[in-house]
């Protein structure tokens, strides 16, 4: 089973983009008469960029940059033997580095081995 997630910029990056876009709109409006068609294109693009980021800042949903698909099984178990092996090896390294105790190691190892293969 897989889930689809929409990924959008963070509120902070959208706020920065909105402020920068607003400044570009001001520049475009101030100089549009001096630079002609390019000034109009500049201003329109700056308005679009500002609007995009403002929507992400002020809206709960916002506009996603892209979509991600995450595969997972129904029971949220480790799904392959290699996953089990890597998790147990990682757990063993934690024990060897004295990050976890022998008791914690045995308990977690038992939990991993009790999961559905």
N, C-alpha and C. Protein backbone atom coordinates (compact mmCIF):
# COMPACT_ATOMS: atom_id res chain seq x y z
N UNK A 1 0.85 -1.16 0.00
CA UNK A 1 0.00 0.00 0.00
C UNK A 1 0.90 1.23 0.00
N UNK A 2 0.48 2.29 -0.68
CA UNK A 2 1.27 3.51 -0.71
C UNK A 2 0.40 4.71 -0.41
N UNK A 3 1.04 5.76 0.07
CA UNK A 3 0.36 7.01 0.39
C UNK A 3 0.96 8.12 -0.44
N UNK A 4 0.12 9.06 -0.82
CA UNK A 4 0.57 10.22 -1.58
C UNK A 4 0.59 11.42 -0.65
N UNK A 5 1.68 12.16 -0.69
CA UNK A 5 1.82 13.36 0.11
C UNK A 5 2.18 14.53 -0.78
N UNK A 6 1.56 15.67 -0.49
CA UNK A 6 1.91 16.90 -1.18
C UNK A 6 3.03 17.57 -0.41
N UNK A 7 4.05 18.00 -1.11
CA UNK A 7 5.19 18.64 -0.46
C UNK A 7 5.20 20.09 -0.89
N UNK A 8 5.19 20.98 0.09
CA UNK A 8 5.20 22.41 -0.21
C UNK A 8 6.31 23.08 0.59
N UNK A 9 6.71 24.29 0.18
CA UNK A 9 7.76 25.00 0.91
C UNK A 9 7.32 25.29 2.34
N UNK A 10 8.29 25.49 3.22
CA UNK A 10 7.98 25.83 4.61
C UNK A 10 7.40 27.24 4.68
N UNK A 11 6.75 27.53 5.80
CA UNK A 11 6.18 28.87 6.00
C UNK A 11 7.28 29.94 5.97
N UNK A 12 8.44 29.64 6.56
CA UNK A 12 9.53 30.61 6.61
C UNK A 12 10.05 30.91 5.20
N UNK A 13 10.31 29.87 4.42
CA UNK A 13 10.82 30.11 3.06
C UNK A 13 9.77 30.80 2.20
N UNK A 14 8.50 30.47 2.40
CA UNK A 14 7.44 31.15 1.65
C UNK A 14 7.33 32.62 2.07
N UNK A 15 7.53 32.91 3.37
CA UNK A 15 7.49 34.29 3.83
C UNK A 15 8.63 35.09 3.20
N UNK A 16 9.81 34.51 3.15
CA UNK A 16 10.95 35.18 2.51
C UNK A 16 10.67 35.38 1.03
N UNK A 17 10.14 34.37 0.36
CA UNK A 17 9.80 34.49 -1.06
C UNK A 17 8.73 35.54 -1.30
N UNK A 18 7.76 35.62 -0.40
CA UNK A 18 6.70 36.62 -0.54
C UNK A 18 7.26 38.03 -0.38
N UNK A 19 8.12 38.25 0.60
CA UNK A 19 8.71 39.57 0.82
C UNK A 19 9.59 39.96 -0.37
N UNK A 20 10.42 39.01 -0.83
CA UNK A 20 11.27 39.30 -1.99
C UNK A 20 10.41 39.58 -3.22
N UNK A 21 9.37 38.79 -3.43
CA UNK A 21 8.47 39.02 -4.57
C UNK A 21 7.81 40.38 -4.49
N UNK A 22 7.38 40.78 -3.28
CA UNK A 22 6.76 42.09 -3.10
C UNK A 22 7.75 43.21 -3.46
N UNK A 23 9.00 43.06 -3.04
CA UNK A 23 10.02 44.05 -3.40
C UNK A 23 10.22 44.12 -4.91
N UNK A 24 10.20 42.98 -5.58
CA UNK A 24 10.34 42.96 -7.04
C UNK A 24 9.13 43.60 -7.72
N UNK A 25 7.95 43.44 -7.13
CA UNK A 25 6.75 44.10 -7.67
C UNK A 25 6.93 45.61 -7.57
N UNK A 26 7.40 46.09 -6.43
CA UNK A 26 7.63 47.53 -6.24
C UNK A 26 8.64 48.04 -7.27
N UNK A 27 9.74 47.30 -7.44
CA UNK A 27 10.76 47.69 -8.42
C UNK A 27 10.14 47.72 -9.81
N UNK A 28 9.36 46.70 -10.14
CA UNK A 28 8.73 46.64 -11.46
C UNK A 28 7.79 47.80 -11.69
N UNK A 29 6.97 48.14 -10.70
CA UNK A 29 6.03 49.26 -10.85
C UNK A 29 6.79 50.58 -10.96
N UNK A 30 7.85 50.75 -10.18
CA UNK A 30 8.61 52.00 -10.18
C UNK A 30 9.33 52.22 -11.51
N UNK A 31 9.78 51.15 -12.15
CA UNK A 31 10.58 51.31 -13.36
C UNK A 31 9.90 50.83 -14.63
N UNK A 32 8.61 50.43 -14.55
CA UNK A 32 7.93 49.88 -15.72
C UNK A 32 7.87 50.88 -16.88
N UNK A 33 7.70 52.14 -16.59
CA UNK A 33 7.62 53.13 -17.67
C UNK A 33 8.98 53.37 -18.30
N UNK A 34 10.04 53.12 -17.57
CA UNK A 34 11.39 53.36 -18.09
C UNK A 34 11.93 52.19 -18.90
N UNK A 35 11.49 50.98 -18.62
CA UNK A 35 12.07 49.83 -19.32
C UNK A 35 11.08 49.11 -20.23
N UNK A 36 9.89 49.62 -20.38
CA UNK A 36 8.94 49.13 -21.37
C UNK A 36 8.41 47.74 -21.13
N UNK A 37 8.40 46.91 -22.19
CA UNK A 37 7.79 45.58 -22.17
C UNK A 37 8.46 44.67 -21.14
N UNK A 38 9.77 44.78 -21.01
CA UNK A 38 10.46 43.96 -20.02
C UNK A 38 9.97 44.29 -18.61
N UNK A 39 9.70 45.55 -18.34
CA UNK A 39 9.20 45.96 -17.03
C UNK A 39 7.83 45.37 -16.75
N UNK A 40 7.00 45.27 -17.78
CA UNK A 40 5.67 44.68 -17.62
C UNK A 40 5.79 43.19 -17.31
N UNK A 41 6.63 42.49 -18.07
CA UNK A 41 6.85 41.06 -17.85
C UNK A 41 7.43 40.84 -16.45
N UNK A 42 8.40 41.65 -16.08
CA UNK A 42 9.02 41.57 -14.75
C UNK A 42 7.96 41.70 -13.66
N UNK A 43 7.12 42.70 -13.78
CA UNK A 43 6.11 42.97 -12.76
C UNK A 43 5.09 41.85 -12.67
N UNK A 44 4.63 41.35 -13.80
CA UNK A 44 3.65 40.26 -13.82
C UNK A 44 4.25 39.00 -13.17
N UNK A 45 5.48 38.66 -13.53
CA UNK A 45 6.12 37.49 -12.92
C UNK A 45 6.32 37.69 -11.42
N UNK A 46 6.69 38.89 -11.00
CA UNK A 46 6.87 39.18 -9.58
C UNK A 46 5.54 39.05 -8.83
N UNK A 47 4.44 39.47 -9.45
CA UNK A 47 3.12 39.33 -8.83
C UNK A 47 2.76 37.85 -8.67
N UNK A 48 3.04 37.04 -9.69
CA UNK A 48 2.75 35.61 -9.64
C UNK A 48 3.57 34.94 -8.53
N UNK A 49 4.86 35.27 -8.47
CA UNK A 49 5.73 34.69 -7.44
C UNK A 49 5.25 35.11 -6.04
N UNK A 50 4.92 36.37 -5.89
CA UNK A 50 4.44 36.87 -4.60
C UNK A 50 3.14 36.17 -4.20
N UNK A 51 2.22 36.02 -5.15
CA UNK A 51 0.95 35.36 -4.88
C UNK A 51 1.13 33.90 -4.49
N UNK A 52 2.02 33.21 -5.19
CA UNK A 52 2.31 31.80 -4.87
C UNK A 52 2.79 31.66 -3.44
N UNK A 53 3.76 32.48 -3.06
CA UNK A 53 4.31 32.38 -1.71
C UNK A 53 3.31 32.88 -0.66
N UNK A 54 2.53 33.90 -0.98
CA UNK A 54 1.53 34.39 -0.03
C UNK A 54 0.49 33.32 0.24
N UNK A 55 0.10 32.57 -0.80
CA UNK A 55 -0.85 31.48 -0.62
C UNK A 55 -0.30 30.42 0.33
N UNK A 56 0.99 30.10 0.21
CA UNK A 56 1.60 29.12 1.10
C UNK A 56 1.75 29.65 2.52
N UNK A 57 1.91 30.98 2.67
CA UNK A 57 2.06 31.55 4.01
C UNK A 57 0.71 31.62 4.72
N UNK A 58 -0.32 32.09 4.02
CA UNK A 58 -1.59 32.38 4.67
C UNK A 58 -2.64 31.29 4.56
N UNK A 59 -2.37 30.27 3.76
CA UNK A 59 -3.35 29.21 3.57
C UNK A 59 -2.90 27.95 4.31
N UNK A 60 -3.86 27.20 4.80
CA UNK A 60 -3.55 25.93 5.47
C UNK A 60 -3.02 24.90 4.47
N UNK A 61 -3.64 24.83 3.30
CA UNK A 61 -3.25 23.85 2.30
C UNK A 61 -2.06 24.32 1.47
N UNK A 62 -2.13 25.52 0.95
CA UNK A 62 -1.03 26.05 0.13
C UNK A 62 -0.92 25.34 -1.20
N UNK A 63 0.12 25.67 -1.92
CA UNK A 63 0.37 25.09 -3.24
C UNK A 63 1.56 24.17 -3.12
N UNK A 64 1.39 22.91 -3.49
CA UNK A 64 2.48 21.96 -3.35
C UNK A 64 3.49 22.14 -4.48
N UNK A 65 4.76 21.91 -4.16
CA UNK A 65 5.82 21.99 -5.14
C UNK A 65 5.86 20.69 -5.95
N UNK A 66 5.68 19.57 -5.26
CA UNK A 66 5.63 18.27 -5.92
C UNK A 66 4.91 17.29 -5.01
N UNK A 67 4.67 16.09 -5.52
CA UNK A 67 4.02 15.06 -4.72
C UNK A 67 4.99 13.91 -4.48
N UNK A 68 4.90 13.32 -3.32
CA UNK A 68 5.75 12.18 -2.97
C UNK A 68 4.85 10.99 -2.70
N UNK A 69 5.34 9.83 -3.07
CA UNK A 69 4.61 8.59 -2.81
C UNK A 69 5.46 7.73 -1.88
N UNK A 70 4.86 7.30 -0.78
CA UNK A 70 5.56 6.50 0.21
C UNK A 70 4.92 5.13 0.27
N UNK A 71 5.73 4.10 0.08
CA UNK A 71 5.24 2.72 0.16
C UNK A 71 5.38 2.22 1.58
N UNK A 72 4.35 1.55 2.06
CA UNK A 72 4.41 0.91 3.37
C UNK A 72 3.40 -0.22 3.38
N UNK A 73 3.62 -1.16 4.29
CA UNK A 73 2.66 -2.25 4.40
C UNK A 73 1.60 -1.89 5.44
N UNK A 74 0.54 -2.66 5.49
CA UNK A 74 -0.61 -2.34 6.33
C UNK A 74 -0.30 -2.37 7.83
N UNK A 75 0.59 -3.23 8.25
CA UNK A 75 0.86 -3.39 9.67
C UNK A 75 2.04 -2.57 10.16
N UNK A 76 2.64 -1.77 9.28
CA UNK A 76 3.82 -0.97 9.61
C UNK A 76 4.97 -1.82 10.13
N UNK A 77 5.16 -2.99 9.54
CA UNK A 77 6.25 -3.87 9.91
C UNK A 77 7.39 -3.72 8.92
N UNK A 78 8.57 -4.14 9.35
CA UNK A 78 9.69 -4.21 8.42
C UNK A 78 9.33 -5.27 7.39
N UNK A 79 9.60 -4.98 6.10
CA UNK A 79 9.06 -5.85 5.07
C UNK A 79 10.05 -6.82 4.44
N UNK A 80 11.34 -6.60 4.57
CA UNK A 80 12.26 -7.53 3.92
C UNK A 80 13.28 -8.05 4.92
N UNK A 81 13.86 -9.19 4.59
CA UNK A 81 14.87 -9.77 5.47
C UNK A 81 16.07 -8.87 5.61
N UNK A 82 16.41 -8.15 4.54
CA UNK A 82 17.55 -7.24 4.59
C UNK A 82 17.28 -6.11 5.59
N UNK A 83 16.03 -5.65 5.68
CA UNK A 83 15.69 -4.63 6.65
C UNK A 83 15.90 -5.14 8.07
N UNK A 84 15.49 -6.38 8.31
CA UNK A 84 15.69 -6.97 9.63
C UNK A 84 17.18 -7.05 9.95
N UNK A 85 17.93 -7.54 9.00
CA UNK A 85 19.36 -7.70 9.22
C UNK A 85 20.03 -6.35 9.50
N UNK A 86 19.72 -5.35 8.71
CA UNK A 86 20.35 -4.04 8.91
C UNK A 86 19.94 -3.43 10.25
N UNK A 87 18.69 -3.61 10.65
CA UNK A 87 18.25 -3.07 11.93
C UNK A 87 18.94 -3.78 13.10
N UNK A 88 19.09 -5.09 12.99
CA UNK A 88 19.75 -5.83 14.06
C UNK A 88 21.24 -5.48 14.11
N UNK A 89 21.87 -5.33 12.94
CA UNK A 89 23.28 -4.93 12.92
C UNK A 89 23.46 -3.52 13.52
N UNK A 90 22.56 -2.63 13.19
CA UNK A 90 22.61 -1.27 13.74
C UNK A 90 22.43 -1.32 15.26
N UNK A 91 21.51 -2.13 15.70
CA UNK A 91 21.28 -2.29 17.13
C UNK A 91 22.53 -2.84 17.83
N UNK A 92 23.18 -3.80 17.17
CA UNK A 92 24.41 -4.38 17.73
C UNK A 92 25.51 -3.32 17.84
N UNK A 93 25.64 -2.48 16.84
CA UNK A 93 26.64 -1.40 16.89
C UNK A 93 26.35 -0.44 18.05
N UNK A 94 25.07 -0.15 18.28
CA UNK A 94 24.72 0.72 19.40
C UNK A 94 25.14 0.10 20.73
N UNK A 95 24.98 -1.22 20.82
CA UNK A 95 25.39 -1.92 22.05
C UNK A 95 26.91 -1.91 22.19
N UNK A 96 27.62 -2.18 21.10
CA UNK A 96 29.09 -2.20 21.14
C UNK A 96 29.66 -0.82 21.48
N UNK A 97 29.00 0.23 21.04
CA UNK A 97 29.46 1.60 21.33
C UNK A 97 28.98 2.10 22.69
N UNK A 98 28.35 1.20 23.44
CA UNK A 98 27.85 1.51 24.78
C UNK A 98 26.83 2.65 24.79
N UNK A 99 26.07 2.74 23.73
CA UNK A 99 24.98 3.72 23.65
C UNK A 99 23.73 3.15 24.30
N UNK A 100 23.57 1.83 24.16
CA UNK A 100 22.46 1.14 24.84
C UNK A 100 23.04 0.02 25.68
N UNK A 101 22.29 -0.40 26.68
CA UNK A 101 22.74 -1.48 27.57
C UNK A 101 22.44 -2.83 26.93
N UNK A 102 23.00 -3.88 27.53
CA UNK A 102 22.72 -5.25 27.06
C UNK A 102 21.24 -5.57 27.18
N UNK A 103 20.63 -5.11 28.27
CA UNK A 103 19.19 -5.36 28.45
C UNK A 103 18.37 -4.68 27.36
N UNK A 104 18.70 -3.44 27.06
CA UNK A 104 17.98 -2.71 26.01
C UNK A 104 18.18 -3.39 24.67
N UNK A 105 19.41 -3.84 24.42
CA UNK A 105 19.71 -4.56 23.18
C UNK A 105 18.86 -5.81 23.04
N UNK A 106 18.84 -6.64 24.09
CA UNK A 106 18.08 -7.89 24.05
C UNK A 106 16.58 -7.63 23.87
N UNK A 107 16.08 -6.62 24.56
CA UNK A 107 14.66 -6.29 24.48
C UNK A 107 14.28 -5.85 23.06
N UNK A 108 15.08 -4.94 22.51
CA UNK A 108 14.78 -4.42 21.17
C UNK A 108 14.98 -5.50 20.10
N UNK A 109 16.00 -6.31 20.26
CA UNK A 109 16.24 -7.40 19.32
C UNK A 109 15.05 -8.37 19.32
N UNK A 110 14.55 -8.68 20.51
CA UNK A 110 13.38 -9.56 20.61
C UNK A 110 12.17 -8.95 19.93
N UNK A 111 12.00 -7.63 20.10
CA UNK A 111 10.88 -6.94 19.44
C UNK A 111 11.00 -7.06 17.93
N UNK A 112 12.22 -6.85 17.42
CA UNK A 112 12.42 -6.95 15.96
C UNK A 112 12.15 -8.36 15.46
N UNK A 113 12.61 -9.35 16.19
CA UNK A 113 12.43 -10.72 15.74
C UNK A 113 11.00 -11.21 15.89
N UNK A 114 10.24 -10.58 16.78
CA UNK A 114 8.83 -10.96 16.96
C UNK A 114 7.94 -10.42 15.84
N UNK A 115 8.44 -9.46 15.10
CA UNK A 115 7.61 -8.89 14.02
C UNK A 115 7.39 -9.90 12.90
N UNK A 116 6.32 -9.67 12.17
CA UNK A 116 5.97 -10.56 11.06
C UNK A 116 7.02 -10.43 9.95
N UNK A 117 7.53 -11.56 9.48
CA UNK A 117 8.52 -11.58 8.40
C UNK A 117 7.78 -11.57 7.14
